[in-house]
Protein backbone atom coordinates (compact mmCIF):
# COMPACT_ATOMS: atom_id res chain seq x y z
CA MET A 1 96.70 90.84 114.39
CA ARG A 2 96.21 90.53 110.65
CA LEU A 3 97.57 93.48 108.72
CA ASN A 4 95.45 95.24 106.13
CA TRP A 5 97.81 95.37 103.15
CA LYS A 6 95.82 98.10 101.40
CA ALA A 7 96.34 100.33 104.43
CA LEU A 8 100.05 99.60 104.27
CA MET A 9 100.51 100.79 100.73
CA PRO A 10 99.90 104.54 100.27
CA ALA A 11 102.92 106.58 99.29
CA LEU A 12 102.92 110.21 98.19
CA LEU A 13 105.72 111.95 96.39
CA ILE A 14 106.10 115.72 96.68
CA LEU A 15 108.44 117.63 94.42
CA ILE A 16 110.25 120.25 96.48
CA MET A 17 112.55 121.92 93.95
CA THR A 18 113.99 121.52 90.50
CA ALA A 19 116.43 123.77 88.71
CA CYS A 20 117.26 124.48 85.09
CA PHE A 21 120.36 126.30 83.92
CA GLU A 22 121.40 129.00 81.44
CA LYS A 23 124.66 127.15 80.92
CA ALA A 24 124.10 123.42 81.01
CA PRO A 25 126.20 121.56 83.62
CA LEU A 26 127.88 118.32 82.66
CA PHE A 27 125.52 115.82 84.25
CA SER A 28 125.34 112.25 83.05
CA THR A 29 122.16 111.27 81.23
CA VAL A 30 121.97 108.40 83.74
CA PRO A 31 120.30 109.93 86.82
CA SER A 32 122.13 110.10 90.13
CA ILE A 33 120.73 110.48 93.64
CA GLU A 34 122.14 111.39 97.06
CA PHE A 35 120.68 110.95 100.53
CA SER A 36 119.52 114.13 102.21
CA ASN A 37 117.28 113.30 105.17
CA LEU A 38 114.90 110.77 106.70
CA CYS A 39 112.41 111.34 109.51
CA TYR A 40 109.45 109.57 111.10
CA SER A 41 106.11 110.82 112.43
CA GLU A 42 103.82 108.47 114.35
CA GLY A 43 100.13 108.54 113.42
CA PHE A 44 97.14 107.48 115.47
CA ASN A 45 95.01 105.39 113.08
CA GLU A 46 94.64 104.38 109.42
CA THR A 47 93.42 107.89 108.54
CA ASP A 48 96.30 109.53 110.39
CA ALA A 49 98.96 106.98 109.48
CA ASP A 50 102.61 106.75 110.46
CA THR A 51 104.81 108.56 107.94
CA LEU A 52 108.42 108.11 106.92
CA VAL A 53 109.65 111.15 104.99
CA LEU A 54 112.61 110.38 102.72
CA THR A 55 114.39 113.36 101.16
CA LEU A 56 116.87 112.86 98.34
CA LYS A 57 118.77 115.02 95.87
CA PHE A 58 118.89 114.15 92.18
CA LYS A 59 120.76 115.15 89.03
CA ASP A 60 120.00 114.15 85.45
CA GLY A 61 121.72 115.32 82.28
CA ASP A 62 118.72 115.30 79.92
CA GLY A 63 115.84 115.80 82.35
CA ASP A 64 113.84 112.76 81.23
CA LEU A 65 112.53 111.95 84.68
CA GLY A 66 108.98 111.19 85.74
CA LEU A 67 105.90 109.30 84.60
CA SER A 68 102.35 110.58 84.28
CA ALA A 69 99.80 108.51 86.19
CA GLY A 70 96.97 109.63 83.90
CA ASP A 71 98.65 109.30 80.49
CA PRO A 72 97.75 105.98 78.81
CA LEU A 73 101.14 105.97 77.06
CA ASP A 74 102.85 106.02 80.45
CA ASN A 75 100.87 102.96 81.49
CA ALA A 76 101.47 100.76 78.44
CA GLY A 77 104.37 99.12 76.63
CA LYS A 78 107.62 99.47 78.55
CA TYR A 79 105.77 101.24 81.38
CA SER A 80 102.92 98.72 81.75
CA GLU A 81 102.20 97.28 85.17
CA LYS A 82 102.26 93.65 83.99
CA ASN A 83 103.95 91.70 81.22
CA TYR A 84 101.90 88.93 79.64
CA PHE A 85 103.19 86.06 77.53
CA THR A 86 101.57 84.37 74.56
CA LEU A 87 101.68 81.01 72.84
CA GLY A 88 103.17 82.51 69.67
CA ASN A 89 99.87 84.15 68.77
CA SER A 90 97.52 86.51 70.56
CA VAL A 91 96.43 83.85 73.07
CA LYS A 92 97.92 84.42 76.53
CA ILE A 93 99.45 81.57 78.49
CA SER A 94 96.85 80.16 80.90
CA TYR A 95 96.96 77.80 83.84
CA LYS A 96 95.59 75.11 81.57
CA ASP A 97 98.76 75.46 79.49
CA LYS A 98 100.88 74.94 82.62
CA ARG A 99 98.98 71.72 83.38
CA THR A 100 98.88 70.32 79.86
CA ASN A 101 101.93 71.67 78.00
CA PRO A 102 105.35 70.40 79.18
CA LYS A 103 106.91 73.65 77.91
CA TYR A 104 105.18 75.57 80.72
CA LYS A 105 105.35 72.97 83.48
CA SER A 106 108.01 74.95 85.38
CA LEU A 107 105.78 78.02 85.81
CA PRO A 108 104.90 78.64 89.48
CA ALA A 109 101.81 76.96 90.87
CA PHE A 110 98.57 78.75 91.66
CA LEU A 111 97.61 76.86 94.80
CA PRO A 112 96.44 77.86 98.31
CA PRO A 113 97.25 80.33 99.78
CA PHE A 114 97.32 81.63 96.16
CA SER A 115 100.22 83.93 95.37
CA CYS A 116 99.34 87.30 93.87
CA THR A 117 102.54 87.59 91.88
CA ASN A 118 102.13 85.51 88.70
CA TRP A 119 98.56 84.49 87.98
CA GLU A 120 95.66 86.78 87.11
CA VAL A 121 92.10 85.48 87.41
CA VAL A 122 89.98 86.77 84.52
CA LYS A 123 86.29 87.26 85.34
CA ASP A 124 83.22 87.74 83.19
CA ALA A 125 80.59 90.49 83.49
CA ASN A 126 79.05 88.65 86.44
CA GLN A 127 82.44 88.48 88.23
CA LEU A 128 82.67 84.74 87.72
CA PRO A 129 86.15 83.30 86.98
CA VAL A 130 86.59 82.29 83.33
CA ASP A 131 90.37 81.91 83.00
CA THR A 132 93.68 82.24 84.83
CA ILE A 133 96.52 83.78 82.85
CA TYR A 134 100.24 84.10 83.54
CA PHE A 135 101.98 87.46 84.03
CA GLU A 136 105.08 88.99 85.56
CA TYR A 137 105.18 92.40 87.19
CA ASN A 138 107.12 94.92 85.09
CA ALA A 139 110.09 96.26 87.04
CA TYR A 140 109.88 99.51 85.04
CA HIS A 141 106.24 100.37 85.75
CA ASN A 142 107.43 102.44 88.73
CA ASN A 143 110.26 104.93 88.65
CA ILE A 144 111.26 104.96 92.32
CA LEU A 145 112.17 101.64 93.93
CA ILE A 146 112.20 101.31 97.73
CA ASP A 147 113.54 98.38 99.76
CA PHE A 148 113.58 98.09 103.55
CA TYR A 149 116.28 96.12 105.36
CA THR A 150 116.34 94.96 109.00
CA LYS A 151 119.55 94.43 110.94
CA ASN A 152 120.38 90.97 112.27
CA ASN A 153 122.21 90.15 115.51
CA ASP A 154 125.42 89.45 113.58
CA GLY A 155 125.39 92.92 111.99
CA THR A 156 124.16 91.81 108.56
CA PHE A 157 120.94 93.08 107.02
CA THR A 158 117.99 91.17 105.55
CA LYS A 159 115.59 92.61 102.98
CA TYR A 160 112.09 92.89 104.43
CA ASP A 161 109.59 90.91 102.37
CA PHE A 162 106.35 92.88 102.00
CA THR A 163 104.96 90.27 99.59
CA LYS A 164 103.97 88.08 102.54
CA PHE A 165 100.98 90.39 102.88
CA PHE A 166 99.78 89.44 99.39
CA ILE A 167 96.84 87.10 99.97
CA TYR A 168 94.63 86.53 96.95
CA PRO A 169 92.26 88.16 96.06
CA ASN A 170 93.55 91.18 98.01
CA CYS A 171 96.55 91.67 95.75
CA ALA A 172 98.68 94.79 95.44
CA VAL A 173 101.90 95.75 93.71
CA GLY A 174 104.80 95.23 96.06
CA GLY A 175 105.99 97.37 98.88
CA TYR A 176 106.67 101.08 98.57
CA ASN A 177 107.77 101.24 94.96
CA GLY A 178 105.98 104.11 93.27
CA ARG A 179 106.02 106.91 90.75
CA PHE A 180 106.99 110.53 90.76
CA PRO A 181 105.56 112.91 88.13
CA ILE A 182 107.31 114.37 85.10
CA LEU A 183 109.82 116.93 86.34
CA SER A 184 110.73 118.78 83.16
CA ASN A 185 108.59 121.56 81.71
CA ASP A 186 109.39 120.24 78.22
CA LEU A 187 110.72 116.70 77.77
CA ASN A 188 111.65 117.45 74.16
CA LYS A 189 114.31 119.99 75.20
CA LYS A 190 116.51 117.38 76.90
CA SER A 191 117.88 119.90 79.37
CA PRO A 192 119.66 119.00 82.64
CA LEU A 193 117.74 119.01 85.90
CA GLU A 194 118.85 119.13 89.50
CA GLY A 195 116.61 119.18 92.52
CA THR A 196 115.29 117.74 95.75
CA ILE A 197 112.30 115.51 96.25
CA LYS A 198 110.47 114.17 99.27
CA TYR A 199 108.86 110.77 99.24
CA ASN A 200 106.28 110.18 101.97
CA LEU A 201 105.82 106.54 102.91
CA LYS A 202 102.63 106.02 104.90
CA SER A 203 101.41 103.11 106.99
CA PRO A 204 99.55 102.65 110.30
CA TYR A 205 101.82 99.64 110.92
CA PHE A 206 105.40 100.91 110.77
CA LEU A 207 105.85 100.80 114.54
CA LEU A 208 103.97 97.51 114.84
CA THR A 209 106.08 95.95 112.08
CA PHE A 210 109.54 97.29 112.96
CA SER A 211 109.29 98.25 116.66
CA ILE A 212 112.84 99.15 117.83
CA LYS A 213 114.64 97.25 115.07
CA THR A 214 117.57 98.87 113.30
CA LEU A 215 116.71 99.56 109.67
CA LYS A 216 118.08 101.01 106.49
CA ILE A 217 116.41 101.81 103.18
CA LYS A 218 117.80 101.40 99.67
CA VAL A 219 116.45 103.60 96.86
CA THR A 220 116.86 103.69 93.08
CA ILE A 221 115.15 105.94 90.52
CA ILE A 222 114.63 105.20 86.82
CA ASP A 223 114.38 107.66 83.93
CA ARG A 224 112.05 107.46 80.94
CA VAL A 225 114.49 105.50 78.77
CA LEU A 226 114.89 103.01 81.65
CA ASN A 227 118.32 104.12 82.88
CA LYS A 228 118.67 103.20 86.55
CA SER A 229 120.38 105.57 88.93
CA ASN A 230 122.91 104.55 91.53
CA GLU A 231 121.43 102.76 94.54
CA LEU A 232 121.13 105.16 97.46
CA GLU A 233 121.49 103.60 100.90
CA THR A 234 120.32 105.52 103.96
CA PRO A 235 122.26 105.52 107.21
CA GLU A 236 121.13 102.95 109.77
CA PHE A 237 118.21 104.12 111.90
CA THR A 238 115.43 103.16 114.26
CA LEU A 239 112.01 104.79 114.10
CA GLN A 240 112.66 106.27 117.53
CA SER A 241 115.89 107.94 116.39
CA ILE A 242 114.53 109.96 113.45
CA ASN A 243 111.56 111.87 114.85
CA CYS A 244 110.40 114.60 112.48
CA ASN A 245 109.62 117.01 115.33
């Protein structure tokens, strides 16, 4: 069975609670997170998908958490989805440069089955390819980073590679990394925040992919000045052991 990567991707973050304080607590301006809960609900089809609900607690000393999906400023510069590279002018590095300029020979190849991770095909108004330019995904485009790990027979864990579902031209940004919205009522006030959030990870293929395997999830959040929190690691679990009901 060939998995539909687009159906694997949706993730929805729901803010449950935040708190502000009359007397500011002494939180670090680097955010911190703690594990609270994880549960699983099995769906029936792509419309009613399987759902993993991850609940975590957070603290942040200046409240600069969250990115706005609709604000152009939160989708450019240090928050852009992709980083492009130029030849020392406004011209972006192309696949022609990789083939003809020894300086760029070491860039990854764009060959069948065509990776989605480093080359962007530029098309004209008629959707015909006109160029192929180099990029790298920006690690700071998202502010919540999610990694799945599967347990091996010897007790070690291996990171699950979702990028194997990237088959050009059906490309998507990797895995279950995502964004949560701005949490503060006024970012200019730089006031501490504490709260709980739920992150819903949806897929019709969780059970098909992981079956009865033992898993754990690692999570990091990032604030608006690109401070990374501690890495939260969930307890070990199987899908069958964390039913939401």
